[in-house]
PDB file of N, CA and C in Angstrom:
ATOM      1  N   MET A   1       5.377  14.146  22.850  1.00  0.00           N
ATOM      2  CA  MET A   1       5.524  15.484  22.320  1.00  0.00           C
ATOM      3  C   MET A   1       4.154  16.156  22.312  1.00  0.00           C
ATOM      4  N   GLN A   2       4.092  17.396  22.655  1.00  0.00           N
ATOM      5  CA  GLN A   2       2.868  18.193  22.588  1.00  0.00           C
ATOM      6  C   GLN A   2       3.048  19.275  21.540  1.00  0.00           C
ATOM      7  N   ILE A   3       1.978  19.527  20.788  1.00  0.00           N
ATOM      8  CA  ILE A   3       2.023  20.569  19.768  1.00  0.00           C
ATOM      9  C   ILE A   3       0.625  21.158  19.621  1.00  0.00           C
ATOM     10  N   ALA A   4       0.579  22.466  19.438  1.00  0.00           N
ATOM     11  CA  ALA A   4      -0.701  23.156  19.259  1.00  0.00           C
ATOM     12  C   ALA A   4      -1.294  22.781  17.907  1.00  0.00           C
ATOM     13  N   ILE A   5      -2.611  22.673  17.859  1.00  0.00           N
ATOM     14  CA  ILE A   5      -3.301  22.287  16.624  1.00  0.00           C
ATOM     15  C   ILE A   5      -2.929  23.220  15.478  1.00  0.00           C
ATOM     16  N   ALA A   6      -2.913  24.512  15.730  1.00  0.00           N
ATOM     17  CA  ALA A   6      -2.581  25.478  14.677  1.00  0.00           C
ATOM     18  C   ALA A   6      -1.196  25.217  14.101  1.00  0.00           C
ATOM     19  N   GLU A   7      -0.243  24.897  14.952  1.00  0.00           N
ATOM     20  CA  GLU A   7       1.120  24.599  14.498  1.00  0.00           C
ATOM     21  C   GLU A   7       1.173  23.234  13.805  1.00  0.00           C
ATOM     22  N   ALA A   8       0.381  22.298  14.297  1.00  0.00           N
ATOM     23  CA  ALA A   8       0.376  20.943  13.733  1.00  0.00           C
ATOM     24  C   ALA A   8      -0.101  20.935  12.289  1.00  0.00           C
ATOM     25  N   LYS A   9      -1.006  21.845  11.947  1.00  0.00           N
ATOM     26  CA  LYS A   9      -1.509  21.917  10.572  1.00  0.00           C
ATOM     27  C   LYS A   9      -0.357  22.091   9.577  1.00  0.00           C
ATOM     28  N   ALA A  10       0.585  22.935   9.919  1.00  0.00           N
ATOM     29  CA  ALA A  10       1.705  23.215   9.016  1.00  0.00           C
ATOM     30  C   ALA A  10       2.709  22.070   8.954  1.00  0.00           C
ATOM     31  N   GLN A  11       2.688  21.204   9.964  1.00  0.00           N
ATOM     32  CA  GLN A  11       3.663  20.117  10.037  1.00  0.00           C
ATOM     33  C   GLN A  11       3.003  18.742   9.938  1.00  0.00           C
ATOM     34  N   PHE A  12       1.784  18.681   9.421  1.00  0.00           N
ATOM     35  CA  PHE A  12       0.988  17.463   9.486  1.00  0.00           C
ATOM     36  C   PHE A  12       1.707  16.244   8.905  1.00  0.00           C
ATOM     37  N   ALA A  13       2.259  16.353   7.707  1.00  0.00           N
ATOM     38  CA  ALA A  13       2.922  15.201   7.078  1.00  0.00           C
ATOM     39  C   ALA A  13       4.082  14.702   7.944  1.00  0.00           C
ATOM     40  N   ASP A  14       4.867  15.610   8.477  1.00  0.00           N
ATOM     41  CA  ASP A  14       5.986  15.217   9.339  1.00  0.00           C
ATOM     42  C   ASP A  14       5.492  14.563  10.627  1.00  0.00           C
ATOM     43  N   LEU A  15       4.416  15.093  11.201  1.00  0.00           N
ATOM     44  CA  LEU A  15       3.861  14.513  12.426  1.00  0.00           C
ATOM     45  C   LEU A  15       3.341  13.094  12.179  1.00  0.00           C
ATOM     46  N   ILE A  16       2.735  12.867  11.026  1.00  0.00           N
ATOM     47  CA  ILE A  16       2.256  11.522  10.678  1.00  0.00           C
ATOM     48  C   ILE A  16       3.435  10.563  10.568  1.00  0.00           C
ATOM     49  N   ARG A  17       4.507  10.990   9.905  1.00  0.00           N
ATOM     50  CA  ARG A  17       5.704  10.133   9.791  1.00  0.00           C
ATOM     51  C   ARG A  17       6.261   9.794  11.170  1.00  0.00           C
ATOM     52  N   ARG A  18       6.286  10.783  12.049  1.00  0.00           N
ATOM     53  CA  ARG A  18       6.807  10.547  13.397  1.00  0.00           C
ATOM     54  C   ARG A  18       5.905   9.586  14.176  1.00  0.00           C
ATOM     55  N   ALA A  19       4.597   9.723  14.012  1.00  0.00           N
ATOM     56  CA  ALA A  19       3.669   8.806  14.677  1.00  0.00           C
ATOM     57  C   ALA A  19       3.844   7.393  14.134  1.00  0.00           C
ATOM     58  N   GLU A  20       4.022   7.253  12.823  1.00  0.00           N
ATOM     59  CA  GLU A  20       4.254   5.933  12.224  1.00  0.00           C
ATOM     60  C   GLU A  20       5.511   5.289  12.796  1.00  0.00           C
ATOM     61  N   ALA A  21       6.493   6.126  13.120  1.00  0.00           N
ATOM     62  CA  ALA A  21       7.756   5.620  13.672  1.00  0.00           C
ATOM     63  C   ALA A  21       7.641   5.270  15.151  1.00  0.00           C
ATOM     64  N   GLY A  22       6.453   5.529  15.742  1.00  0.00           N
ATOM     65  CA  GLY A  22       6.255   5.132  17.131  1.00  0.00           C
ATOM     66  C   GLY A  22       6.144   6.263  18.133  1.00  0.00           C
ATOM     67  N   GLU A  23       6.359   7.472  17.686  1.00  0.00           N
ATOM     68  CA  GLU A  23       6.265   8.605  18.606  1.00  0.00           C
ATOM     69  C   GLU A  23       4.791   8.953  18.862  1.00  0.00           C
ATOM     70  N   GLU A  24       4.478   9.281  20.090  1.00  0.00           N
ATOM     71  CA  GLU A  24       3.116   9.696  20.434  1.00  0.00           C
ATOM     72  C   GLU A  24       3.070  11.213  20.445  1.00  0.00           C
ATOM     73  N   ILE A  25       2.134  11.774  19.691  1.00  0.00           N
ATOM     74  CA  ILE A  25       2.043  13.224  19.556  1.00  0.00           C
ATOM     75  C   ILE A  25       0.691  13.670  20.096  1.00  0.00           C
ATOM     76  N   GLU A  26       0.729  14.589  21.049  1.00  0.00           N
ATOM     77  CA  GLU A  26      -0.490  15.086  21.664  1.00  0.00           C
ATOM     78  C   GLU A  26      -0.790  16.467  21.099  1.00  0.00           C
ATOM     79  N   LEU A  27      -1.997  16.633  20.575  1.00  0.00           N
ATOM     80  CA  LEU A  27      -2.420  17.915  20.031  1.00  0.00           C
ATOM     81  C   LEU A  27      -3.112  18.707  21.127  1.00  0.00           C
ATOM     82  N   THR A  28      -2.794  19.995  21.186  1.00  0.00           N
ATOM     83  CA  THR A  28      -3.362  20.830  22.245  1.00  0.00           C
ATOM     84  C   THR A  28      -4.128  22.006  21.654  1.00  0.00           C
ATOM     85  N   ARG A  29      -5.110  22.466  22.411  1.00  0.00           N
ATOM     86  CA  ARG A  29      -5.839  23.681  22.070  1.00  0.00           C
ATOM     87  C   ARG A  29      -5.811  24.548  23.323  1.00  0.00           C
ATOM     88  N   TYR A  30      -5.287  25.739  23.176  1.00  0.00           N
ATOM     89  CA  TYR A  30      -5.135  26.659  24.318  1.00  0.00           C
ATOM     90  C   TYR A  30      -4.368  25.998  25.458  1.00  0.00           C
ATOM     91  N   GLY A  31      -3.378  25.176  25.082  1.00  0.00           N
ATOM     92  CA  GLY A  31      -2.516  24.552  26.073  1.00  0.00           C
ATOM     93  C   GLY A  31      -3.074  23.286  26.714  1.00  0.00           C
ATOM     94  N   ARG A  32      -4.303  22.896  26.360  1.00  0.00           N
ATOM     95  CA  ARG A  32      -4.896  21.691  26.940  1.00  0.00           C
ATOM     96  C   ARG A  32      -4.908  20.557  25.910  1.00  0.00           C
ATOM     97  N   PRO A  33      -4.535  19.360  26.285  1.00  0.00           N
ATOM     98  CA  PRO A  33      -4.541  18.217  25.369  1.00  0.00           C
ATOM     99  C   PRO A  33      -5.969  17.919  24.891  1.00  0.00           C
ATOM    100  N   VAL A  34      -6.128  17.739  23.568  1.00  0.00           N
ATOM    101  CA  VAL A  34      -7.450  17.436  23.018  1.00  0.00           C
ATOM    102  C   VAL A  34      -7.458  16.192  22.137  1.00  0.00           C
ATOM    103  N   ALA A  35      -6.304  15.796  21.627  1.00  0.00           N
ATOM    104  CA  ALA A  35      -6.246  14.616  20.746  1.00  0.00           C
ATOM    105  C   ALA A  35      -4.827  14.068  20.760  1.00  0.00           C
ATOM    106  N   ARG A  36      -4.710  12.839  20.276  1.00  0.00           N
ATOM    107  CA  ARG A  36      -3.407  12.180  20.268  1.00  0.00           C
ATOM    108  C   ARG A  36      -3.197  11.476  18.925  1.00  0.00           C
ATOM    109  N   LEU A  37      -2.019  11.655  18.343  1.00  0.00           N
ATOM    110  CA  LEU A  37      -1.632  10.924  17.131  1.00  0.00           C
ATOM    111  C   LEU A  37      -0.721   9.776  17.541  1.00  0.00           C
ATOM    112  N   THR A  38      -1.103   8.580  17.132  1.00  0.00           N
ATOM    113  CA  THR A  38      -0.273   7.406  17.386  1.00  0.00           C
ATOM    114  C   THR A  38      -0.319   6.526  16.147  1.00  0.00           C
ATOM    115  N   ALA A  39       0.620   5.619  16.045  1.00  0.00           N
ATOM    116  CA  ALA A  39       0.626   4.678  14.923  1.00  0.00           C
ATOM    117  C   ALA A  39      -0.592   3.774  15.036  1.00  0.00           C
ATOM    118  N   SER A  40      -1.129   3.404  13.911  1.00  0.00           N
ATOM    119  CA  SER A  40      -2.279   2.504  13.887  1.00  0.00           C
ATOM    120  C   SER A  40      -1.866   1.125  14.378  1.00  0.00           C
ATOM    121  N   SER A  41      -2.745   0.501  15.130  1.00  0.00           N
ATOM    122  CA  SER A  41      -2.447  -0.859  15.597  1.00  0.00           C
ATOM    123  C   SER A  41      -2.783  -1.876  14.524  1.00  0.00           C
ATOM    124  N   ARG A  42      -3.499  -1.437  13.502  1.00  0.00           N
ATOM    125  CA  ARG A  42      -3.864  -2.334  12.409  1.00  0.00           C
ATOM    126  C   ARG A  42      -2.722  -2.384  11.412  1.00  0.00           C
ATOM    127  N   ARG A  43      -2.221  -3.560  11.168  1.00  0.00           N
ATOM    128  CA  ARG A  43      -1.084  -3.722  10.272  1.00  0.00           C
ATOM    129  C   ARG A  43      -1.565  -3.962   8.851  1.00  0.00           C
ATOM    130  N   VAL A  44      -0.938  -3.273   7.907  1.00  0.00           N
ATOM    131  CA  VAL A  44      -1.261  -3.449   6.496  1.00  0.00           C
ATOM    132  C   VAL A  44      -0.324  -4.499   5.929  1.00  0.00           C
ATOM    133  N   ASN A  45      -0.896  -5.554   5.410  1.00  0.00           N
ATOM    134  CA  ASN A  45      -0.088  -6.631   4.847  1.00  0.00           C
ATOM    135  C   ASN A  45       0.102  -6.435   3.353  1.00  0.00           C
ATOM    136  N   SER A  46       1.234  -6.808   2.877  1.00  0.00           N
ATOM    137  CA  SER A  46       1.529  -6.754   1.458  1.00  0.00           C
ATOM    138  C   SER A  46       0.814  -7.899   0.750  1.00  0.00           C
ATOM    139  N   LEU A  47       0.361  -7.650  -0.449  1.00  0.00           N
ATOM    140  CA  LEU A  47      -0.290  -8.703  -1.233  1.00  0.00           C
ATOM    141  C   LEU A  47       0.720  -9.582  -1.956  1.00  0.00           C
ATOM    142  N   ILE A  48       1.971  -9.141  -2.015  1.00  0.00           N
ATOM    143  CA  ILE A  48       2.989  -9.924  -2.704  1.00  0.00           C
ATOM    144  C   ILE A  48       3.207 -11.226  -1.952  1.00  0.00           C
ATOM    145  N   GLY A  49       3.007 -12.322  -2.638  1.00  0.00           N
ATOM    146  CA  GLY A  49       3.219 -13.640  -2.058  1.00  0.00           C
ATOM    147  C   GLY A  49       2.069 -14.144  -1.203  1.00  0.00           C
ATOM    148  N   CYS A  50       0.925 -13.459  -1.221  1.00  0.00           N
ATOM    149  CA  CYS A  50      -0.168 -13.841  -0.326  1.00  0.00           C
ATOM    150  C   CYS A  50      -0.793 -15.185  -0.690  1.00  0.00           C
ATOM    151  N   ALA A  51      -0.625 -15.658  -1.921  1.00  0.00           N
ATOM    152  CA  ALA A  51      -1.216 -16.942  -2.329  1.00  0.00           C
ATOM    153  C   ALA A  51      -0.171 -18.054  -2.402  1.00  0.00           C
ATOM    154  N   LYS A  52       1.017 -17.793  -1.894  1.00  0.00           N
ATOM    155  CA  LYS A  52       2.092 -18.774  -1.957  1.00  0.00           C
ATOM    156  C   LYS A  52       1.657 -20.098  -1.317  1.00  0.00           C
ATOM    157  N   GLY A  53       1.843 -21.170  -2.065  1.00  0.00           N
ATOM    158  CA  GLY A  53       1.523 -22.499  -1.565  1.00  0.00           C
ATOM    159  C   GLY A  53       0.059 -22.886  -1.693  1.00  0.00           C
ATOM    160  N   GLN A  54      -0.770 -21.997  -2.214  1.00  0.00           N
ATOM    161  CA  GLN A  54      -2.197 -22.291  -2.316  1.00  0.00           C
ATOM    162  C   GLN A  54      -2.592 -22.902  -3.655  1.00  0.00           C
ATOM    163  N   PHE A  55      -1.709 -22.868  -4.617  1.00  0.00           N
ATOM    164  CA  PHE A  55      -1.988 -23.516  -5.894  1.00  0.00           C
ATOM    165  C   PHE A  55      -0.663 -23.895  -6.531  1.00  0.00           C
ATOM    166  N   SER A  56      -0.743 -24.764  -7.524  1.00  0.00           N
ATOM    167  CA  SER A  56       0.475 -25.146  -8.239  1.00  0.00           C
ATOM    168  C   SER A  56       0.270 -24.916  -9.725  1.00  0.00           C
ATOM    169  N   VAL A  57       1.341 -24.616 -10.403  1.00  0.00           N
ATOM    170  CA  VAL A  57       1.311 -24.368 -11.835  1.00  0.00           C
ATOM    171  C   VAL A  57       1.788 -25.636 -12.530  1.00  0.00           C
ATOM    172  N   PRO A  58       1.022 -26.143 -13.496  1.00  0.00           N
ATOM    173  CA  PRO A  58       1.436 -27.371 -14.170  1.00  0.00           C
ATOM    174  C   PRO A  58       2.714 -27.158 -14.983  1.00  0.00           C
ATOM    175  N   ASP A  59       3.490 -28.208 -15.125  1.00  0.00           N
ATOM    176  CA  ASP A  59       4.747 -28.130 -15.877  1.00  0.00           C
ATOM    177  C   ASP A  59       4.528 -27.737 -17.331  1.00  0.00           C
ATOM    178  N   ASP A  60       3.375 -28.090 -17.906  1.00  0.00           N
ATOM    179  CA  ASP A  60       3.117 -27.822 -19.331  1.00  0.00           C
ATOM    180  C   ASP A  60       2.370 -26.496 -19.555  1.00  0.00           C
ATOM    181  N   ILE A  61       2.464 -25.567 -18.623  1.00  0.00           N
ATOM    182  CA  ILE A  61       1.705 -24.318 -18.734  1.00  0.00           C
ATOM    183  C   ILE A  61       2.041 -23.540 -20.009  1.00  0.00           C
ATOM    184  N   ASN A  62       3.262 -23.640 -20.486  1.00  0.00           N
ATOM    185  CA  ASN A  62       3.660 -22.889 -21.677  1.00  0.00           C
ATOM    186  C   ASN A  62       3.480 -23.663 -22.973  1.00  0.00           C
ATOM    187  N   ASP A  63       3.051 -24.897 -22.889  1.00  0.00           N
ATOM    188  CA  ASP A  63       2.796 -25.680 -24.105  1.00  0.00           C
ATOM    189  C   ASP A  63       1.654 -25.013 -24.874  1.00  0.00           C
ATOM    190  N   GLY A  64       1.820 -24.919 -26.166  1.00  0.00           N
ATOM    191  CA  GLY A  64       0.787 -24.312 -26.992  1.00  0.00           C
ATOM    192  C   GLY A  64       0.959 -22.821 -27.194  1.00  0.00           C
ATOM    193  N   ASP A  65       1.985 -22.230 -26.604  1.00  0.00           N
ATOM    194  CA  ASP A  65       2.188 -20.794 -26.780  1.00  0.00           C
ATOM    195  C   ASP A  65       2.402 -20.420 -28.239  1.00  0.00           C
ATOM    196  N   ASP A  66       3.146 -21.249 -28.962  1.00  0.00           N
ATOM    197  CA  ASP A  66       3.395 -20.953 -30.376  1.00  0.00           C
ATOM    198  C   ASP A  66       2.092 -20.971 -31.168  1.00  0.00           C
ATOM    199  N   GLN A  67       1.227 -21.921 -30.859  1.00  0.00           N
ATOM    200  CA  GLN A  67      -0.049 -22.021 -31.566  1.00  0.00           C
ATOM    201  C   GLN A  67      -0.918 -20.782 -31.279  1.00  0.00           C
ATOM    202  N   ILE A  68      -0.967 -20.374 -30.032  1.00  0.00           N
ATOM    203  CA  ILE A  68      -1.763 -19.199 -29.665  1.00  0.00           C
ATOM    204  C   ILE A  68      -1.176 -17.942 -30.291  1.00  0.00           C
ATOM    205  N   ALA A  69       0.144 -17.805 -30.277  1.00  0.00           N
ATOM    206  CA  ALA A  69       0.791 -16.646 -30.895  1.00  0.00           C
ATOM    207  C   ALA A  69       0.475 -16.592 -32.381  1.00  0.00           C
ATOM    208  N   GLY A  70       0.446 -17.751 -33.020  1.00  0.00           N
ATOM    209  CA  GLY A  70       0.103 -17.811 -34.443  1.00  0.00           C
ATOM    210  C   GLY A  70      -1.318 -17.338 -34.697  1.00  0.00           C
ATOM    211  N   LEU A  71      -2.232 -17.691 -33.828  1.00  0.00           N
ATOM    212  CA  LEU A  71      -3.614 -17.234 -33.983  1.00  0.00           C
ATOM    213  C   LEU A  71      -3.706 -15.719 -33.879  1.00  0.00           C
ATOM    214  N   PHE A  72      -2.926 -15.124 -32.978  1.00  0.00           N
ATOM    215  CA  PHE A  72      -2.917 -13.670 -32.871  1.00  0.00           C
ATOM    216  C   PHE A  72      -2.308 -13.027 -34.117  1.00  0.00           C
ATOM    217  N   ARG A  73      -1.247 -13.643 -34.641  1.00  0.00           N
ATOM    218  CA  ARG A  73      -0.595 -13.085 -35.848  1.00  0.00           C
ATOM    219  C   ARG A  73      -1.511 -13.098 -37.049  1.00  0.00           C
ATOM    220  N   THR A  74      -2.367 -14.085 -37.144  1.00  0.00           N
ATOM    221  CA  THR A  74      -3.252 -14.200 -38.324  1.00  0.00           C
ATOM    222  C   THR A  74      -4.638 -13.611 -38.069  1.00  0.00           C
ATOM    223  N   SER A  75      -4.851 -13.007 -36.921  1.00  0.00           N
ATOM    224  CA  SER A  75      -6.153 -12.440 -36.593  1.00  0.00           C
ATOM    225  C   SER A  75      -6.447 -11.229 -37.458  1.00  0.00           C
ATOM    226  N   SER A  76      -7.670 -11.126 -37.898  1.00  0.00           N
ATOM    227  CA  SER A  76      -8.071  -9.950 -38.683  1.00  0.00           C
ATOM    228  C   SER A  76      -8.416  -8.767 -37.778  1.00  0.00           C
ATOM    229  N   LEU A  77      -8.435  -9.000 -36.480  1.00  0.00           N
ATOM    230  CA  LEU A  77      -8.768  -7.918 -35.552  1.00  0.00           C
ATOM    231  C   LEU A  77      -7.578  -7.042 -35.221  1.00  0.00           C
ATOM    232  N   LEU A  78      -6.365  -7.577 -35.403  1.00  0.00           N
ATOM    233  CA  LEU A  78      -5.178  -6.807 -35.069  1.00  0.00           C
ATOM    234  C   LEU A  78      -4.610  -6.121 -36.307  1.00  0.00           C
ATOM    235  N   PRO A  79      -4.116  -4.907 -36.176  1.00  0.00           N
ATOM    236  CA  PRO A  79      -3.519  -4.210 -37.328  1.00  0.00           C
ATOM    237  C   PRO A  79      -2.204  -4.850 -37.728  1.00  0.00           C
ATOM    238  N   GLY A  80      -1.924  -4.743 -38.998  1.00  0.00           N
ATOM    239  CA  GLY A  80      -0.591  -5.088 -39.415  1.00  0.00           C
ATOM    240  C   GLY A  80      -0.367  -6.295 -40.115  1.00  0.00           C
TER     241      GLY A  80
END
């Protein structure tokens, strides 16, 4: 697709979405191609699950929660 720079300004967000979807958009000035919008070749990875399998949580991780909660309840730093 070819589009004039002046027109592209008004449609920039839509043109970016189209480029992300794989469409190649050529920007023109006075009818001559000057730039091209394409999807980035660099892939953004999600951080969710990135440490999976790199550590293990001990079975007794929650042991002592009552004791710690009690310390917070009796703390003079907390209101109430």
